[in-house]
């Protein structure tokens, strides 16, 4: 897996805070708008879902929007976690699930 990103996201989740795509991309030398970076985050989320854990990349936001990018919500739909409705409500619930899980692990 994408170890530097995975470890950073767990660290951020454990202290119940957020990061952004620019900070995460810097860990692996990618720009925040690079589809390769988005694919890495998707891989991490798919792994977490397989392990019955919440979507870890909920801690990664688009700095200007103060919420995750559209790919986060698309993957949540693909995984059967989000069935439409209010994206903000879904994200906040998922973010709290991430924070609660990782702050105790």
PDB file of N, CA and C in Angstrom:
ATOM      1  N   UNK A   1       0.841  -1.180   0.000  1.00  0.00           N
ATOM      2  CA  UNK A   1       0.000   0.000   0.000  1.00  0.00           C
ATOM      3  C   UNK A   1       0.890   1.249   0.000  1.00  0.00           C
ATOM      4  N   UNK A   2       0.276   2.378   0.089  1.00  0.00           N
ATOM      5  CA  UNK A   2       0.967   3.659   0.028  1.00  0.00           C
ATOM      6  C   UNK A   2       1.308   4.094   1.450  1.00  0.00           C
ATOM      7  N   UNK A   3       2.351   3.484   1.975  1.00  0.00           N
ATOM      8  CA  UNK A   3       2.689   3.562   3.406  1.00  0.00           C
ATOM      9  C   UNK A   3       2.836   4.982   3.954  1.00  0.00           C
ATOM     10  N   UNK A   4       3.590   5.884   3.288  1.00  0.00           N
ATOM     11  CA  UNK A   4       3.719   7.226   3.870  1.00  0.00           C
ATOM     12  C   UNK A   4       2.362   7.936   4.008  1.00  0.00           C
ATOM     13  N   UNK A   5       1.512   7.784   3.014  1.00  0.00           N
ATOM     14  CA  UNK A   5       0.194   8.413   3.072  1.00  0.00           C
ATOM     15  C   UNK A   5      -0.662   7.738   4.140  1.00  0.00           C
ATOM     16  N   UNK A   6      -0.663   6.419   4.146  1.00  0.00           N
ATOM     17  CA  UNK A   6      -1.467   5.668   5.108  1.00  0.00           C
ATOM     18  C   UNK A   6      -1.088   6.037   6.541  1.00  0.00           C
ATOM     19  N   UNK A   7       0.206   6.092   6.817  1.00  0.00           N
ATOM     20  CA  UNK A   7       0.664   6.433   8.168  1.00  0.00           C
ATOM     21  C   UNK A   7       0.287   7.869   8.538  1.00  0.00           C
ATOM     22  N   UNK A   8       0.403   8.792   7.576  1.00  0.00           N
ATOM     23  CA  UNK A   8       0.037  10.188   7.837  1.00  0.00           C
ATOM     24  C   UNK A   8      -1.455  10.302   8.155  1.00  0.00           C
ATOM     25  N   UNK A   9      -2.294   9.616   7.399  1.00  0.00           N
ATOM     26  CA  UNK A   9      -3.737   9.695   7.629  1.00  0.00           C
ATOM     27  C   UNK A   9      -4.107   9.113   8.988  1.00  0.00           C
ATOM     28  N   UNK A  10      -3.470   8.023   9.371  1.00  0.00           N
ATOM     29  CA  UNK A  10      -3.733   7.452  10.690  1.00  0.00           C
ATOM     30  C   UNK A  10      -3.300   8.420  11.794  1.00  0.00           C
ATOM     31  N   UNK A  11      -2.145   9.041  11.612  1.00  0.00           N
ATOM     32  CA  UNK A  11      -1.637  10.014  12.596  1.00  0.00           C
ATOM     33  C   UNK A  11      -2.610  11.186  12.749  1.00  0.00           C
ATOM     34  N   UNK A  12      -3.093  11.708  11.642  1.00  0.00           N
ATOM     35  CA  UNK A  12      -4.047  12.822  11.656  1.00  0.00           C
ATOM     36  C   UNK A  12      -5.349  12.392  12.338  1.00  0.00           C
ATOM     37  N   UNK A  13      -5.822  11.200  12.008  1.00  0.00           N
ATOM     38  CA  UNK A  13      -7.074  10.696  12.589  1.00  0.00           C
ATOM     39  C   UNK A  13      -6.947  10.480  14.093  1.00  0.00           C
ATOM     40  N   UNK A  14      -5.808  10.009  14.531  1.00  0.00           N
ATOM     41  CA  UNK A  14      -5.610   9.728  15.964  1.00  0.00           C
ATOM     42  C   UNK A  14      -5.727  10.979  16.828  1.00  0.00           C
ATOM     43  N   UNK A  15      -5.339  12.123  16.275  1.00  0.00           N
ATOM     44  CA  UNK A  15      -5.427  13.372  17.044  1.00  0.00           C
ATOM     45  C   UNK A  15      -6.668  14.181  16.659  1.00  0.00           C
ATOM     46  N   UNK A  16      -7.551  13.540  15.919  1.00  0.00           N
ATOM     47  CA  UNK A  16      -8.849  14.118  15.550  1.00  0.00           C
ATOM     48  C   UNK A  16      -8.711  15.492  14.901  1.00  0.00           C
ATOM     49  N   UNK A  17      -7.918  15.514  13.827  1.00  0.00           N
ATOM     50  CA  UNK A  17      -7.735  16.743  13.068  1.00  0.00           C
ATOM     51  C   UNK A  17      -7.896  16.440  11.582  1.00  0.00           C
ATOM     52  N   UNK A  18      -7.540  17.391  10.733  1.00  0.00           N
ATOM     53  CA  UNK A  18      -7.665  17.240   9.285  1.00  0.00           C
ATOM     54  C   UNK A  18      -6.335  17.554   8.615  1.00  0.00           C
ATOM     55  N   UNK A  19      -6.210  17.111   7.381  1.00  0.00           N
ATOM     56  CA  UNK A  19      -5.101  17.486   6.520  1.00  0.00           C
ATOM     57  C   UNK A  19      -5.713  17.860   5.176  1.00  0.00           C
ATOM     58  N   UNK A  20      -4.875  18.169   4.199  1.00  0.00           N
ATOM     59  CA  UNK A  20      -5.412  18.517   2.880  1.00  0.00           C
ATOM     60  C   UNK A  20      -4.626  17.798   1.788  1.00  0.00           C
ATOM     61  N   UNK A  21      -5.162  17.861   0.568  1.00  0.00           N
ATOM     62  CA  UNK A  21      -4.566  17.135  -0.547  1.00  0.00           C
ATOM     63  C   UNK A  21      -3.143  17.611  -0.839  1.00  0.00           C
ATOM     64  N   UNK A  22      -2.859  18.886  -0.634  1.00  0.00           N
ATOM     65  CA  UNK A  22      -1.509  19.402  -0.873  1.00  0.00           C
ATOM     66  C   UNK A  22      -0.516  18.744   0.083  1.00  0.00           C
ATOM     67  N   UNK A  23      -0.834  18.724   1.376  1.00  0.00           N
ATOM     68  CA  UNK A  23       0.060  18.110   2.371  1.00  0.00           C
ATOM     69  C   UNK A  23       0.273  16.631   2.089  1.00  0.00           C
ATOM     70  N   UNK A  24      -0.788  15.949   1.746  1.00  0.00           N
ATOM     71  CA  UNK A  24      -0.690  14.508   1.478  1.00  0.00           C
ATOM     72  C   UNK A  24       0.129  14.262   0.210  1.00  0.00           C
ATOM     73  N   UNK A  25      -0.107  15.055  -0.811  1.00  0.00           N
ATOM     74  CA  UNK A  25       0.635  14.903  -2.060  1.00  0.00           C
ATOM     75  C   UNK A  25       2.132  15.118  -1.885  1.00  0.00           C
ATOM     76  N   UNK A  26       2.507  16.054  -1.018  1.00  0.00           N
ATOM     77  CA  UNK A  26       3.922  16.319  -0.770  1.00  0.00           C
ATOM     78  C   UNK A  26       4.657  15.098  -0.231  1.00  0.00           C
ATOM     79  N   UNK A  27       3.945  14.232   0.476  1.00  0.00           N
ATOM     80  CA  UNK A  27       4.568  13.026   1.037  1.00  0.00           C
ATOM     81  C   UNK A  27       5.104  12.102  -0.037  1.00  0.00           C
ATOM     82  N   UNK A  28       4.484  12.156  -1.217  1.00  0.00           N
ATOM     83  CA  UNK A  28       4.881  11.253  -2.300  1.00  0.00           C
ATOM     84  C   UNK A  28       5.250  12.008  -3.578  1.00  0.00           C
ATOM     85  N   UNK A  29       5.456  13.314  -3.459  1.00  0.00           N
ATOM     86  CA  UNK A  29       5.899  14.110  -4.595  1.00  0.00           C
ATOM     87  C   UNK A  29       4.853  14.323  -5.672  1.00  0.00           C
ATOM     88  N   UNK A  30       3.577  14.390  -5.286  1.00  0.00           N
ATOM     89  CA  UNK A  30       2.509  14.586  -6.259  1.00  0.00           C
ATOM     90  C   UNK A  30       1.732  15.865  -5.960  1.00  0.00           C
ATOM     91  N   UNK A  31       1.265  16.504  -7.008  1.00  0.00           N
ATOM     92  CA  UNK A  31       0.417  17.686  -6.879  1.00  0.00           C
ATOM     93  C   UNK A  31      -0.955  17.256  -6.362  1.00  0.00           C
ATOM     94  N   UNK A  32      -1.677  18.161  -5.695  1.00  0.00           N
ATOM     95  CA  UNK A  32      -2.968  17.788  -5.116  1.00  0.00           C
ATOM     96  C   UNK A  32      -4.026  17.397  -6.151  1.00  0.00           C
ATOM     97  N   UNK A  33      -3.875  17.833  -7.388  1.00  0.00           N
ATOM     98  CA  UNK A  33      -4.867  17.528  -8.427  1.00  0.00           C
ATOM     99  C   UNK A  33      -4.449  16.347  -9.298  1.00  0.00           C
ATOM    100  N   UNK A  34      -3.455  15.601  -8.856  1.00  0.00           N
ATOM    101  CA  UNK A  34      -2.962  14.471  -9.643  1.00  0.00           C
ATOM    102  C   UNK A  34      -3.845  13.244  -9.421  1.00  0.00           C
ATOM    103  N   UNK A  35      -4.404  12.670 -10.493  1.00  0.00           N
ATOM    104  CA  UNK A  35      -5.239  11.476 -10.362  1.00  0.00           C
ATOM    105  C   UNK A  35      -4.523  10.292  -9.711  1.00  0.00           C
ATOM    106  N   UNK A  36      -3.201  10.247  -9.794  1.00  0.00           N
ATOM    107  CA  UNK A  36      -2.459   9.165  -9.136  1.00  0.00           C
ATOM    108  C   UNK A  36      -2.632   9.276  -7.623  1.00  0.00           C
ATOM    109  N   UNK A  37      -2.576  10.488  -7.103  1.00  0.00           N
ATOM    110  CA  UNK A  37      -2.791  10.708  -5.674  1.00  0.00           C
ATOM    111  C   UNK A  37      -4.194  10.264  -5.280  1.00  0.00           C
ATOM    112  N   UNK A  38      -5.175  10.649  -6.069  1.00  0.00           N
ATOM    113  CA  UNK A  38      -6.561  10.260  -5.773  1.00  0.00           C
ATOM    114  C   UNK A  38      -6.703   8.740  -5.766  1.00  0.00           C
ATOM    115  N   UNK A  39      -6.010   8.077  -6.706  1.00  0.00           N
ATOM    116  CA  UNK A  39      -6.049   6.613  -6.764  1.00  0.00           C
ATOM    117  C   UNK A  39      -5.434   5.995  -5.515  1.00  0.00           C
ATOM    118  N   UNK A  40      -4.380   6.601  -5.004  1.00  0.00           N
ATOM    119  CA  UNK A  40      -3.765   6.104  -3.774  1.00  0.00           C
ATOM    120  C   UNK A  40      -4.742   6.210  -2.600  1.00  0.00           C
ATOM    121  N   UNK A  41      -5.438   7.338  -2.514  1.00  0.00           N
ATOM    122  CA  UNK A  41      -6.423   7.514  -1.446  1.00  0.00           C
ATOM    123  C   UNK A  41      -7.574   6.523  -1.601  1.00  0.00           C
ATOM    124  N   UNK A  42      -7.999   6.294  -2.845  1.00  0.00           N
ATOM    125  CA  UNK A  42      -9.039   5.284  -3.089  1.00  0.00           C
ATOM    126  C   UNK A  42      -8.572   3.902  -2.638  1.00  0.00           C
ATOM    127  N   UNK A  43      -7.322   3.559  -2.957  1.00  0.00           N
ATOM    128  CA  UNK A  43      -6.779   2.253  -2.547  1.00  0.00           C
ATOM    129  C   UNK A  43      -6.825   2.112  -1.028  1.00  0.00           C
ATOM    130  N   UNK A  44      -6.440   3.159  -0.330  1.00  0.00           N
ATOM    131  CA  UNK A  44      -6.455   3.134   1.142  1.00  0.00           C
ATOM    132  C   UNK A  44      -7.883   2.957   1.643  1.00  0.00           C
ATOM    133  N   UNK A  45      -8.825   3.688   1.059  1.00  0.00           N
ATOM    134  CA  UNK A  45     -10.219   3.563   1.481  1.00  0.00           C
ATOM    135  C   UNK A  45     -10.787   2.177   1.179  1.00  0.00           C
ATOM    136  N   UNK A  46     -10.437   1.622   0.045  1.00  0.00           N
ATOM    137  CA  UNK A  46     -10.908   0.267  -0.284  1.00  0.00           C
ATOM    138  C   UNK A  46     -10.344  -0.747   0.726  1.00  0.00           C
ATOM    139  N   UNK A  47      -9.097  -0.580   1.065  1.00  0.00           N
ATOM    140  CA  UNK A  47      -8.486  -1.461   2.069  1.00  0.00           C
ATOM    141  C   UNK A  47      -9.197  -1.323   3.415  1.00  0.00           C
ATOM    142  N   UNK A  48      -9.425  -0.100   3.836  1.00  0.00           N
ATOM    143  CA  UNK A  48     -10.106   0.141   5.112  1.00  0.00           C
ATOM    144  C   UNK A  48     -11.518  -0.459   5.090  1.00  0.00           C
ATOM    145  N   UNK A  49     -12.213  -0.310   3.983  1.00  0.00           N
ATOM    146  CA  UNK A  49     -13.559  -0.863   3.854  1.00  0.00           C
ATOM    147  C   UNK A  49     -13.520  -2.399   3.955  1.00  0.00           C
ATOM    148  N   UNK A  50     -12.536  -2.988   3.299  1.00  0.00           N
ATOM    149  CA  UNK A  50     -12.356  -4.451   3.350  1.00  0.00           C
ATOM    150  C   UNK A  50     -12.104  -4.914   4.786  1.00  0.00           C
ATOM    151  N   UNK A  51     -11.449  -4.082   5.572  1.00  0.00           N
ATOM    152  CA  UNK A  51     -11.147  -4.403   6.970  1.00  0.00           C
ATOM    153  C   UNK A  51     -12.266  -3.957   7.923  1.00  0.00           C
ATOM    154  N   UNK A  52     -13.390  -3.535   7.336  1.00  0.00           N
ATOM    155  CA  UNK A  52     -14.573  -3.104   8.110  1.00  0.00           C
ATOM    156  C   UNK A  52     -14.303  -1.870   8.965  1.00  0.00           C
ATOM    157  N   UNK A  53     -13.515  -0.954   8.391  1.00  0.00           N
ATOM    158  CA  UNK A  53     -13.231   0.316   9.052  1.00  0.00           C
ATOM    159  C   UNK A  53     -13.754   1.456   8.178  1.00  0.00           C
ATOM    160  N   UNK A  54     -13.952   2.634   8.775  1.00  0.00           N
ATOM    161  CA  UNK A  54     -14.450   3.773   7.993  1.00  0.00           C
ATOM    162  C   UNK A  54     -13.406   4.275   6.993  1.00  0.00           C
ATOM    163  N   UNK A  55     -13.865   5.132   6.088  1.00  0.00           N
ATOM    164  CA  UNK A  55     -13.018   5.675   5.019  1.00  0.00           C
ATOM    165  C   UNK A  55     -11.999   6.648   5.606  1.00  0.00           C
ATOM    166  N   UNK A  56     -10.765   6.203   5.699  1.00  0.00           N
ATOM    167  CA  UNK A  56      -9.709   6.966   6.356  1.00  0.00           C
ATOM    168  C   UNK A  56      -9.448   8.312   5.689  1.00  0.00           C
ATOM    169  N   UNK A  57      -9.655   8.408   4.392  1.00  0.00           N
ATOM    170  CA  UNK A  57      -9.366   9.682   3.727  1.00  0.00           C
ATOM    171  C   UNK A  57     -10.412  10.751   4.029  1.00  0.00           C
ATOM    172  N   UNK A  58     -11.362  10.452   4.900  1.00  0.00           N
ATOM    173  CA  UNK A  58     -12.293  11.494   5.348  1.00  0.00           C
ATOM    174  C   UNK A  58     -11.543  12.641   6.018  1.00  0.00           C
ATOM    175  N   UNK A  59     -10.316  12.390   6.462  1.00  0.00           N
ATOM    176  CA  UNK A  59      -9.518  13.442   7.119  1.00  0.00           C
ATOM    177  C   UNK A  59      -8.822  14.354   6.116  1.00  0.00           C
ATOM    178  N   UNK A  60      -8.953  14.055   4.811  1.00  0.00           N
ATOM    179  CA  UNK A  60      -8.286  14.844   3.767  1.00  0.00           C
ATOM    180  C   UNK A  60      -9.318  15.752   3.093  1.00  0.00           C
ATOM    181  N   UNK A  61      -9.050  17.053   3.119  1.00  0.00           N
ATOM    182  CA  UNK A  61      -9.994  18.007   2.535  1.00  0.00           C
ATOM    183  C   UNK A  61      -9.353  18.842   1.430  1.00  0.00           C
ATOM    184  N   UNK A  62     -10.212  19.377   0.591  1.00  0.00           N
ATOM    185  CA  UNK A  62      -9.815  20.419  -0.346  1.00  0.00           C
ATOM    186  C   UNK A  62      -9.798  21.693   0.486  1.00  0.00           C
ATOM    187  N   UNK A  63      -8.657  22.290   0.618  1.00  0.00           N
ATOM    188  CA  UNK A  63      -8.499  23.419   1.536  1.00  0.00           C
ATOM    189  C   UNK A  63      -9.509  24.536   1.265  1.00  0.00           C
ATOM    190  N   UNK A  64      -9.751  24.853   0.008  1.00  0.00           N
ATOM    191  CA  UNK A  64     -10.659  25.951  -0.330  1.00  0.00           C
ATOM    192  C   UNK A  64     -12.116  25.623  -0.017  1.00  0.00           C
ATOM    193  N   UNK A  65     -12.468  24.327  -0.041  1.00  0.00           N
ATOM    194  CA  UNK A  65     -13.861  23.919   0.155  1.00  0.00           C
ATOM    195  C   UNK A  65     -14.153  23.440   1.572  1.00  0.00           C
ATOM    196  N   UNK A  66     -13.115  23.125   2.316  1.00  0.00           N
ATOM    197  CA  UNK A  66     -13.259  22.607   3.683  1.00  0.00           C
ATOM    198  C   UNK A  66     -14.041  21.294   3.744  1.00  0.00           C
ATOM    199  N   UNK A  67     -13.888  20.463   2.723  1.00  0.00           N
ATOM    200  CA  UNK A  67     -14.498  19.137   2.680  1.00  0.00           C
ATOM    201  C   UNK A  67     -13.725  18.297   1.669  1.00  0.00           C
ATOM    202  N   UNK A  68     -13.932  16.984   1.673  1.00  0.00           N
ATOM    203  CA  UNK A  68     -13.221  16.133   0.702  1.00  0.00           C
ATOM    204  C   UNK A  68     -13.632  16.452  -0.732  1.00  0.00           C
ATOM    205  N   UNK A  69     -12.815  15.985  -1.657  1.00  0.00           N
ATOM    206  CA  UNK A  69     -13.123  16.151  -3.069  1.00  0.00           C
ATOM    207  C   UNK A  69     -14.228  15.211  -3.520  1.00  0.00           C
ATOM    208  N   UNK A  70     -14.683  15.407  -4.735  1.00  0.00           N
ATOM    209  CA  UNK A  70     -15.792  14.610  -5.282  1.00  0.00           C
ATOM    210  C   UNK A  70     -15.461  13.117  -5.344  1.00  0.00           C
ATOM    211  N   UNK A  71     -14.197  12.779  -5.528  1.00  0.00           N
ATOM    212  CA  UNK A  71     -13.814  11.372  -5.590  1.00  0.00           C
ATOM    213  C   UNK A  71     -14.129  10.614  -4.310  1.00  0.00           C
ATOM    214  N   UNK A  72     -14.060  11.297  -3.181  1.00  0.00           N
ATOM    215  CA  UNK A  72     -14.388  10.683  -1.894  1.00  0.00           C
ATOM    216  C   UNK A  72     -15.842  10.214  -1.896  1.00  0.00           C
ATOM    217  N   UNK A  73     -16.732  11.083  -2.368  1.00  0.00           N
ATOM    218  CA  UNK A  73     -18.158  10.757  -2.369  1.00  0.00           C
ATOM    219  C   UNK A  73     -18.492   9.712  -3.433  1.00  0.00           C
ATOM    220  N   UNK A  74     -17.796   9.784  -4.578  1.00  0.00           N
ATOM    221  CA  UNK A  74     -18.014   8.783  -5.630  1.00  0.00           C
ATOM    222  C   UNK A  74     -17.631   7.406  -5.114  1.00  0.00           C
ATOM    223  N   UNK A  75     -16.480   7.299  -4.468  1.00  0.00           N
ATOM    224  CA  UNK A  75     -16.056   6.002  -3.945  1.00  0.00           C
ATOM    225  C   UNK A  75     -17.009   5.523  -2.852  1.00  0.00           C
ATOM    226  N   UNK A  76     -17.469   6.436  -2.011  1.00  0.00           N
ATOM    227  CA  UNK A  76     -18.424   6.059  -0.964  1.00  0.00           C
ATOM    228  C   UNK A  76     -19.690   5.464  -1.589  1.00  0.00           C
ATOM    229  N   UNK A  77     -20.121   6.033  -2.726  1.00  0.00           N
ATOM    230  CA  UNK A  77     -21.276   5.461  -3.429  1.00  0.00           C
ATOM    231  C   UNK A  77     -20.929   4.091  -4.001  1.00  0.00           C
ATOM    232  N   UNK A  78     -19.754   3.986  -4.619  1.00  0.00           N
ATOM    233  CA  UNK A  78     -19.321   2.713  -5.205  1.00  0.00           C
ATOM    234  C   UNK A  78     -19.229   1.604  -4.152  1.00  0.00           C
ATOM    235  N   UNK A  79     -18.834   1.973  -2.938  1.00  0.00           N
ATOM    236  CA  UNK A  79     -18.709   0.995  -1.852  1.00  0.00           C
ATOM    237  C   UNK A  79     -20.047   0.718  -1.153  1.00  0.00           C
ATOM    238  N   UNK A  80     -21.081   1.437  -1.568  1.00  0.00           N
ATOM    239  CA  UNK A  80     -22.397   1.245  -0.967  1.00  0.00           C
ATOM    240  C   UNK A  80     -22.561   1.916   0.384  1.00  0.00           C
ATOM    241  N   UNK A  81     -21.701   2.886   0.674  1.00  0.00           N
ATOM    242  CA  UNK A  81     -21.755   3.579   1.963  1.00  0.00           C
ATOM    243  C   UNK A  81     -22.604   4.843   1.916  1.00  0.00           C
ATOM    244  N   UNK A  82     -22.674   5.452   0.755  1.00  0.00           N
ATOM    245  CA  UNK A  82     -23.392   6.722   0.589  1.00  0.00           C
ATOM    246  C   UNK A  82     -24.386   6.549  -0.539  1.00  0.00           C
ATOM    247  N   UNK A  83     -25.633   6.805  -0.240  1.00  0.00           N
ATOM    248  CA  UNK A  83     -26.699   6.567  -1.216  1.00  0.00           C
ATOM    249  C   UNK A  83     -27.324   7.865  -1.697  1.00  0.00           C
ATOM    250  N   UNK A  84     -26.572   8.924  -1.664  1.00  0.00           N
ATOM    251  CA  UNK A  84     -27.097  10.216  -2.076  1.00  0.00           C
ATOM    252  C   UNK A  84     -27.542  11.017  -0.872  1.00  0.00           C
ATOM    253  N   UNK A  85     -28.088  12.160  -1.148  1.00  0.00           N
ATOM    254  CA  UNK A  85     -28.499  13.024  -0.052  1.00  0.00           C
ATOM    255  C   UNK A  85     -27.444  14.066   0.220  1.00  0.00           C
ATOM    256  N   UNK A  86     -27.348  14.470   1.447  1.00  0.00           N
ATOM    257  CA  UNK A  86     -26.466  15.557   1.837  1.00  0.00           C
ATOM    258  C   UNK A  86     -25.026  15.069   2.030  1.00  0.00           C
ATOM    259  N   UNK A  87     -24.140  15.524   1.162  1.00  0.00           N
ATOM    260  CA  UNK A  87     -22.734  15.116   1.236  1.00  0.00           C
ATOM    261  C   UNK A  87     -22.097  15.555   2.550  1.00  0.00           C
ATOM    262  N   UNK A  88     -22.396  16.757   2.987  1.00  0.00           N
ATOM    263  CA  UNK A  88     -21.794  17.274   4.210  1.00  0.00           C
ATOM    264  C   UNK A  88     -22.157  16.400   5.415  1.00  0.00           C
ATOM    265  N   UNK A  89     -23.425  16.015   5.510  1.00  0.00           N
ATOM    266  CA  UNK A  89     -23.871  15.161   6.613  1.00  0.00           C
ATOM    267  C   UNK A  89     -23.163  13.817   6.573  1.00  0.00           C
ATOM    268  N   UNK A  90     -23.078  13.210   5.377  1.00  0.00           N
ATOM    269  CA  UNK A  90     -22.377  11.927   5.248  1.00  0.00           C
ATOM    270  C   UNK A  90     -20.917  12.073   5.666  1.00  0.00           C
ATOM    271  N   UNK A  91     -20.252  13.114   5.160  1.00  0.00           N
ATOM    272  CA  UNK A  91     -18.837  13.294   5.466  1.00  0.00           C
ATOM    273  C   UNK A  91     -18.604  13.473   6.961  1.00  0.00           C
ATOM    274  N   UNK A  92     -19.390  14.303   7.611  1.00  0.00           N
ATOM    275  CA  UNK A  92     -19.205  14.540   9.051  1.00  0.00           C
ATOM    276  C   UNK A  92     -19.384  13.235   9.834  1.00  0.00           C
ATOM    277  N   UNK A  93     -20.372  12.435   9.463  1.00  0.00           N
ATOM    278  CA  UNK A  93     -20.574  11.143  10.145  1.00  0.00           C
ATOM    279  C   UNK A  93     -19.380  10.222   9.920  1.00  0.00           C
ATOM    280  N   UNK A  94     -18.905  10.163   8.685  1.00  0.00           N
ATOM    281  CA  UNK A  94     -17.765   9.295   8.375  1.00  0.00           C
ATOM    282  C   UNK A  94     -16.507   9.807   9.066  1.00  0.00           C
ATOM    283  N   UNK A  95     -16.308  11.109   9.083  1.00  0.00           N
ATOM    284  CA  UNK A  95     -15.160  11.700   9.751  1.00  0.00           C
ATOM    285  C   UNK A  95     -15.172  11.362  11.240  1.00  0.00           C
ATOM    286  N   UNK A  96     -16.317  11.469  11.872  1.00  0.00           N
ATOM    287  CA  UNK A  96     -16.412  11.107  13.288  1.00  0.00           C
ATOM    288  C   UNK A  96     -16.150   9.631  13.516  1.00  0.00           C
ATOM    289  N   UNK A  97     -16.599   8.781  12.599  1.00  0.00           N
ATOM    290  CA  UNK A  97     -16.302   7.345  12.704  1.00  0.00           C
ATOM    291  C   UNK A  97     -14.792   7.103  12.617  1.00  0.00           C
ATOM    292  N   UNK A  98     -14.138   7.801  11.687  1.00  0.00           N
ATOM    293  CA  UNK A  98     -12.675   7.687  11.525  1.00  0.00           C
ATOM    294  C   UNK A  98     -11.987   8.142  12.804  1.00  0.00           C
ATOM    295  N   UNK A  99     -12.332   9.319  13.280  1.00  0.00           N
ATOM    296  CA  UNK A  99     -11.699   9.856  14.491  1.00  0.00           C
ATOM    297  C   UNK A  99     -11.916   8.923  15.687  1.00  0.00           C
ATOM    298  N   UNK A 100     -13.124   8.428  15.854  1.00  0.00           N
ATOM    299  CA  UNK A 100     -13.424   7.543  16.992  1.00  0.00           C
ATOM    300  C   UNK A 100     -12.642   6.238  16.906  1.00  0.00           C
ATOM    301  N   UNK A 101     -12.555   5.674  15.705  1.00  0.00           N
ATOM    302  CA  UNK A 101     -11.828   4.411  15.550  1.00  0.00           C
ATOM    303  C   UNK A 101     -10.335   4.631  15.826  1.00  0.00           C
ATOM    304  N   UNK A 102      -9.732   5.559  15.096  1.00  0.00           N
ATOM    305  CA  UNK A 102      -8.265   5.690  15.150  1.00  0.00           C
ATOM    306  C   UNK A 102      -7.766   6.329  16.439  1.00  0.00           C
ATOM    307  N   UNK A 103      -8.595   7.096  17.127  1.00  0.00           N
ATOM    308  CA  UNK A 103      -8.133   7.671  18.393  1.00  0.00           C
ATOM    309  C   UNK A 103      -7.979   6.619  19.481  1.00  0.00           C
ATOM    310  N   UNK A 104      -8.547   5.442  19.241  1.00  0.00           N
ATOM    311  CA  UNK A 104      -8.406   4.347  20.218  1.00  0.00           C
ATOM    312  C   UNK A 104      -7.591   3.182  19.666  1.00  0.00           C
ATOM    313  N   UNK A 105      -6.942   3.351  18.508  1.00  0.00           N
ATOM    314  CA  UNK A 105      -6.119   2.273  17.939  1.00  0.00           C
ATOM    315  C   UNK A 105      -4.731   2.782  17.566  1.00  0.00           C
TER     316      UNK A 105
END
